Structure formats: C-alpha cells, structure tokens
Amino acid sequence: MLTRQPGVMWLINHTTLRAFELEQFKHFGVKEIFLPKTFPYDEGNLSASITYALC
C-alpha cells in the first residue's frame, strides 16, 4: 500500500490570508504546499503577493 503525505496547491496569494491559512494546512498534516510565483495584476489581485518562504 502506498502511503503519501498530503499535499496542496494553494492558489490564493492573498497576503493576509496566507498568514493563517497555511498554518491550518500544516495543522491538518499537509506536508507539501505549492504556492504560485506569478499572478495576473488586476483589480482582483491588489492584495496579492509572492513569497519564497516555503521553498
């Protein structure tokens, strides 16, 4: 039987949400979190940012 650690691709680069949502993933046992390094710059992404902290 193959056992894998759960992983997730977190597509929301919202700066404020990242502060606590990523910790929730870790709390539930997620070991791999993939964050996009690019996003479209428009009015829907004004509070978005990129982080390399989890690399």
PDB file of N, CA and C in Angstrom:
ATOM      1  N   MET A   1       0.847  -1.183   0.000  1.00  0.00           N
ATOM      2  CA  MET A   1       0.000   0.000   0.000  1.00  0.00           C
ATOM      3  C   MET A   1       0.888   1.241   0.000  1.00  0.00           C
ATOM      4  N   LEU A   2       0.576   2.151  -0.871  1.00  0.00           N
ATOM      5  CA  LEU A   2       1.330   3.399  -0.986  1.00  0.00           C
ATOM      6  C   LEU A   2       0.801   4.409   0.023  1.00  0.00           C
ATOM      7  N   THR A   3       1.685   4.914   0.847  1.00  0.00           N
ATOM      8  CA  THR A   3       1.281   5.965   1.781  1.00  0.00           C
ATOM      9  C   THR A   3       2.010   7.239   1.405  1.00  0.00           C
ATOM     10  N   ARG A   4       1.271   8.286   1.275  1.00  0.00           N
ATOM     11  CA  ARG A   4       1.835   9.581   0.894  1.00  0.00           C
ATOM     12  C   ARG A   4       1.397  10.638   1.873  1.00  0.00           C
ATOM     13  N   GLN A   5       2.262  11.606   2.049  1.00  0.00           N
ATOM     14  CA  GLN A   5       1.883  12.770   2.829  1.00  0.00           C
ATOM     15  C   GLN A   5       0.967  13.625   1.965  1.00  0.00           C
ATOM     16  N   PRO A   6      -0.084  14.177   2.537  1.00  0.00           N
ATOM     17  CA  PRO A   6      -0.962  15.027   1.729  1.00  0.00           C
ATOM     18  C   PRO A   6      -0.256  16.302   1.288  1.00  0.00           C
ATOM     19  N   GLY A   7      -0.583  16.743   0.094  1.00  0.00           N
ATOM     20  CA  GLY A   7      -0.054  17.994  -0.451  1.00  0.00           C
ATOM     21  C   GLY A   7      -1.206  18.841  -0.956  1.00  0.00           C
ATOM     22  N   VAL A   8      -0.947  20.098  -1.163  1.00  0.00           N
ATOM     23  CA  VAL A   8      -1.988  21.009  -1.626  1.00  0.00           C
ATOM     24  C   VAL A   8      -1.345  22.109  -2.464  1.00  0.00           C
ATOM     25  N   MET A   9      -2.055  22.535  -3.506  1.00  0.00           N
ATOM     26  CA  MET A   9      -1.645  23.716  -4.251  1.00  0.00           C
ATOM     27  C   MET A   9      -2.558  24.848  -3.803  1.00  0.00           C
ATOM     28  N   TRP A  10      -1.983  25.820  -3.156  1.00  0.00           N
ATOM     29  CA  TRP A  10      -2.755  26.941  -2.626  1.00  0.00           C
ATOM     30  C   TRP A  10      -2.708  28.051  -3.657  1.00  0.00           C
ATOM     31  N   LEU A  11      -3.802  28.272  -4.345  1.00  0.00           N
ATOM     32  CA  LEU A  11      -3.827  29.190  -5.477  1.00  0.00           C
ATOM     33  C   LEU A  11      -4.110  30.633  -5.096  1.00  0.00           C
ATOM     34  N   ILE A  12      -4.391  30.890  -3.837  1.00  0.00           N
ATOM     35  CA  ILE A  12      -4.721  32.246  -3.422  1.00  0.00           C
ATOM     36  C   ILE A  12      -3.470  32.891  -2.829  1.00  0.00           C
ATOM     37  N   ASN A  13      -2.972  33.911  -3.460  1.00  0.00           N
ATOM     38  CA  ASN A  13      -1.782  34.600  -2.960  1.00  0.00           C
ATOM     39  C   ASN A  13      -2.151  35.840  -2.144  1.00  0.00           C
ATOM     40  N   HIS A  14      -3.247  35.772  -1.440  1.00  0.00           N
ATOM     41  CA  HIS A  14      -3.683  36.897  -0.628  1.00  0.00           C
ATOM     42  C   HIS A  14      -2.775  37.002   0.591  1.00  0.00           C
ATOM     43  N   THR A  15      -2.127  38.111   0.757  1.00  0.00           N
ATOM     44  CA  THR A  15      -1.120  38.298   1.798  1.00  0.00           C
ATOM     45  C   THR A  15      -1.682  38.055   3.194  1.00  0.00           C
ATOM     46  N   THR A  16      -2.829  38.611   3.502  1.00  0.00           N
ATOM     47  CA  THR A  16      -3.416  38.479   4.834  1.00  0.00           C
ATOM     48  C   THR A  16      -3.853  37.053   5.117  1.00  0.00           C
ATOM     49  N   LEU A  17      -4.497  36.403   4.155  1.00  0.00           N
ATOM     50  CA  LEU A  17      -4.972  35.035   4.368  1.00  0.00           C
ATOM     51  C   LEU A  17      -3.830  34.054   4.546  1.00  0.00           C
ATOM     52  N   ARG A  18      -2.738  34.282   3.844  1.00  0.00           N
ATOM     53  CA  ARG A  18      -1.594  33.368   3.923  1.00  0.00           C
ATOM     54  C   ARG A  18      -1.069  33.256   5.359  1.00  0.00           C
ATOM     55  N   ALA A  19      -1.199  34.304   6.132  1.00  0.00           N
ATOM     56  CA  ALA A  19      -0.668  34.307   7.498  1.00  0.00           C
ATOM     57  C   ALA A  19      -1.298  33.224   8.369  1.00  0.00           C
ATOM     58  N   PHE A  20      -2.565  32.883   8.155  1.00  0.00           N
ATOM     59  CA  PHE A  20      -3.177  31.863   8.993  1.00  0.00           C
ATOM     60  C   PHE A  20      -3.661  30.642   8.230  1.00  0.00           C
ATOM     61  N   GLU A  21      -3.991  30.743   6.951  1.00  0.00           N
ATOM     62  CA  GLU A  21      -4.489  29.574   6.222  1.00  0.00           C
ATOM     63  C   GLU A  21      -3.401  28.524   6.006  1.00  0.00           C
ATOM     64  N   LEU A  22      -2.183  28.936   5.751  1.00  0.00           N
ATOM     65  CA  LEU A  22      -1.113  27.959   5.576  1.00  0.00           C
ATOM     66  C   LEU A  22      -0.834  27.214   6.875  1.00  0.00           C
ATOM     67  N   GLU A  23      -0.967  27.889   7.999  1.00  0.00           N
ATOM     68  CA  GLU A  23      -0.794  27.217   9.292  1.00  0.00           C
ATOM     69  C   GLU A  23      -1.898  26.185   9.521  1.00  0.00           C
ATOM     70  N   GLN A  24      -3.102  26.452   9.026  1.00  0.00           N
ATOM     71  CA  GLN A  24      -4.183  25.474   9.147  1.00  0.00           C
ATOM     72  C   GLN A  24      -3.867  24.225   8.343  1.00  0.00           C
ATOM     73  N   PHE A  25      -3.335  24.389   7.139  1.00  0.00           N
ATOM     74  CA  PHE A  25      -2.932  23.228   6.340  1.00  0.00           C
ATOM     75  C   PHE A  25      -1.909  22.388   7.108  1.00  0.00           C
ATOM     76  N   LYS A  26      -0.918  23.041   7.684  1.00  0.00           N
ATOM     77  CA  LYS A  26       0.115  22.326   8.440  1.00  0.00           C
ATOM     78  C   LYS A  26      -0.495  21.608   9.637  1.00  0.00           C
ATOM     79  N   HIS A  27      -1.438  22.251  10.305  1.00  0.00           N
ATOM     80  CA  HIS A  27      -2.107  21.653  11.464  1.00  0.00           C
ATOM     81  C   HIS A  27      -2.826  20.357  11.087  1.00  0.00           C
ATOM     82  N   PHE A  28      -3.390  20.301   9.893  1.00  0.00           N
ATOM     83  CA  PHE A  28      -4.117  19.119   9.429  1.00  0.00           C
ATOM     84  C   PHE A  28      -3.211  18.088   8.760  1.00  0.00           C
ATOM     85  N   GLY A  29      -1.900  18.312   8.811  1.00  0.00           N
ATOM     86  CA  GLY A  29      -0.971  17.303   8.340  1.00  0.00           C
ATOM     87  C   GLY A  29      -0.472  17.469   6.922  1.00  0.00           C
ATOM     88  N   VAL A  30      -0.784  18.569   6.285  1.00  0.00           N
ATOM     89  CA  VAL A  30      -0.299  18.801   4.922  1.00  0.00           C
ATOM     90  C   VAL A  30       1.191  19.102   5.000  1.00  0.00           C
ATOM     91  N   LYS A  31       1.987  18.324   4.279  1.00  0.00           N
ATOM     92  CA  LYS A  31       3.441  18.469   4.324  1.00  0.00           C
ATOM     93  C   LYS A  31       3.990  19.261   3.149  1.00  0.00           C
ATOM     94  N   GLU A  32       3.290  19.259   2.025  1.00  0.00           N
ATOM     95  CA  GLU A  32       3.740  19.991   0.839  1.00  0.00           C
ATOM     96  C   GLU A  32       2.705  21.045   0.470  1.00  0.00           C
ATOM     97  N   ILE A  33       3.144  22.275   0.369  1.00  0.00           N
ATOM     98  CA  ILE A  33       2.265  23.374  -0.022  1.00  0.00           C
ATOM     99  C   ILE A  33       2.924  24.084  -1.197  1.00  0.00           C
ATOM    100  N   PHE A  34       2.255  24.090  -2.319  1.00  0.00           N
ATOM    101  CA  PHE A  34       2.777  24.725  -3.516  1.00  0.00           C
ATOM    102  C   PHE A  34       2.093  26.076  -3.708  1.00  0.00           C
ATOM    103  N   LEU A  35       2.878  27.122  -3.809  1.00  0.00           N
ATOM    104  CA  LEU A  35       2.347  28.472  -3.986  1.00  0.00           C
ATOM    105  C   LEU A  35       2.751  28.992  -5.353  1.00  0.00           C
ATOM    106  N   PRO A  36       1.821  29.545  -6.119  1.00  0.00           N
ATOM    107  CA  PRO A  36       2.193  30.104  -7.413  1.00  0.00           C
ATOM    108  C   PRO A  36       3.145  31.281  -7.259  1.00  0.00           C
ATOM    109  N   LYS A  37       4.029  31.438  -8.206  1.00  0.00           N
ATOM    110  CA  LYS A  37       5.018  32.523  -8.165  1.00  0.00           C
ATOM    111  C   LYS A  37       4.677  33.653  -9.129  1.00  0.00           C
ATOM    112  N   THR A  38       3.601  33.516  -9.859  1.00  0.00           N
ATOM    113  CA  THR A  38       3.121  34.592 -10.729  1.00  0.00           C
ATOM    114  C   THR A  38       1.600  34.670 -10.605  1.00  0.00           C
ATOM    115  N   PHE A  39       1.069  35.826 -10.849  1.00  0.00           N
ATOM    116  CA  PHE A  39      -0.380  36.002 -10.859  1.00  0.00           C
ATOM    117  C   PHE A  39      -0.683  37.229 -11.709  1.00  0.00           C
ATOM    118  N   PRO A  40      -1.871  37.271 -12.294  1.00  0.00           N
ATOM    119  CA  PRO A  40      -2.219  38.442 -13.106  1.00  0.00           C
ATOM    120  C   PRO A  40      -2.374  39.687 -12.237  1.00  0.00           C
ATOM    121  N   TYR A  41      -1.859  40.773 -12.703  1.00  0.00           N
ATOM    122  CA  TYR A  41      -2.008  42.028 -11.967  1.00  0.00           C
ATOM    123  C   TYR A  41      -3.271  42.729 -12.456  1.00  0.00           C
ATOM    124  N   ASP A  42      -4.303  42.700 -11.638  1.00  0.00           N
ATOM    125  CA  ASP A  42      -5.552  43.395 -11.945  1.00  0.00           C
ATOM    126  C   ASP A  42      -6.239  43.757 -10.635  1.00  0.00           C
ATOM    127  N   GLU A  43      -7.409  44.339 -10.721  1.00  0.00           N
ATOM    128  CA  GLU A  43      -8.085  44.816  -9.507  1.00  0.00           C
ATOM    129  C   GLU A  43      -8.458  43.672  -8.563  1.00  0.00           C
ATOM    130  N   GLY A  44      -8.555  42.456  -9.057  1.00  0.00           N
ATOM    131  CA  GLY A  44      -8.861  41.319  -8.192  1.00  0.00           C
ATOM    132  C   GLY A  44      -7.664  40.813  -7.411  1.00  0.00           C
ATOM    133  N   ASN A  45      -6.490  41.274  -7.738  1.00  0.00           N
ATOM    134  CA  ASN A  45      -5.271  40.782  -7.092  1.00  0.00           C
ATOM    135  C   ASN A  45      -4.467  41.886  -6.420  1.00  0.00           C
ATOM    136  N   LEU A  46      -5.085  42.965  -6.061  1.00  0.00           N
ATOM    137  CA  LEU A  46      -4.334  44.083  -5.481  1.00  0.00           C
ATOM    138  C   LEU A  46      -3.722  43.753  -4.123  1.00  0.00           C
ATOM    139  N   SER A  47      -4.292  42.803  -3.397  1.00  0.00           N
ATOM    140  CA  SER A  47      -3.729  42.447  -2.093  1.00  0.00           C
ATOM    141  C   SER A  47      -2.887  41.176  -2.173  1.00  0.00           C
ATOM    142  N   ALA A  48      -2.596  40.736  -3.370  1.00  0.00           N
ATOM    143  CA  ALA A  48      -1.792  39.524  -3.539  1.00  0.00           C
ATOM    144  C   ALA A  48      -0.311  39.837  -3.460  1.00  0.00           C
ATOM    145  N   SER A  49       0.468  38.823  -3.114  1.00  0.00           N
ATOM    146  CA  SER A  49       1.916  38.951  -3.096  1.00  0.00           C
ATOM    147  C   SER A  49       2.516  37.574  -3.303  1.00  0.00           C
ATOM    148  N   ILE A  50       3.791  37.539  -3.549  1.00  0.00           N
ATOM    149  CA  ILE A  50       4.517  36.294  -3.762  1.00  0.00           C
ATOM    150  C   ILE A  50       5.480  36.094  -2.599  1.00  0.00           C
ATOM    151  N   THR A  51       5.580  34.858  -2.142  1.00  0.00           N
ATOM    152  CA  THR A  51       6.529  34.550  -1.079  1.00  0.00           C
ATOM    153  C   THR A  51       7.382  33.349  -1.484  1.00  0.00           C
ATOM    154  N   TYR A  52       8.625  33.370  -1.072  1.00  0.00           N
ATOM    155  CA  TYR A  52       9.532  32.246  -1.281  1.00  0.00           C
ATOM    156  C   TYR A  52       9.872  31.601   0.067  1.00  0.00           C
ATOM    157  N   ALA A  53       9.124  31.930   1.098  1.00  0.00           N
ATOM    158  CA  ALA A  53       9.417  31.460   2.453  1.00  0.00           C
ATOM    159  C   ALA A  53       9.305  29.952   2.597  1.00  0.00           C
ATOM    160  N   LEU A  54       8.478  29.308   1.791  1.00  0.00           N
ATOM    161  CA  LEU A  54       8.283  27.866   1.916  1.00  0.00           C
ATOM    162  C   LEU A  54       9.152  27.066   0.960  1.00  0.00           C
ATOM    163  N   CYS A  55      10.043  27.714   0.251  1.00  0.00           N
ATOM    164  CA  CYS A  55      10.894  26.998  -0.719  1.00  0.00           C
ATOM    165  C   CYS A  55      11.960  26.206  -0.027  1.00  0.00           C
TER     166      CYS A  55
END
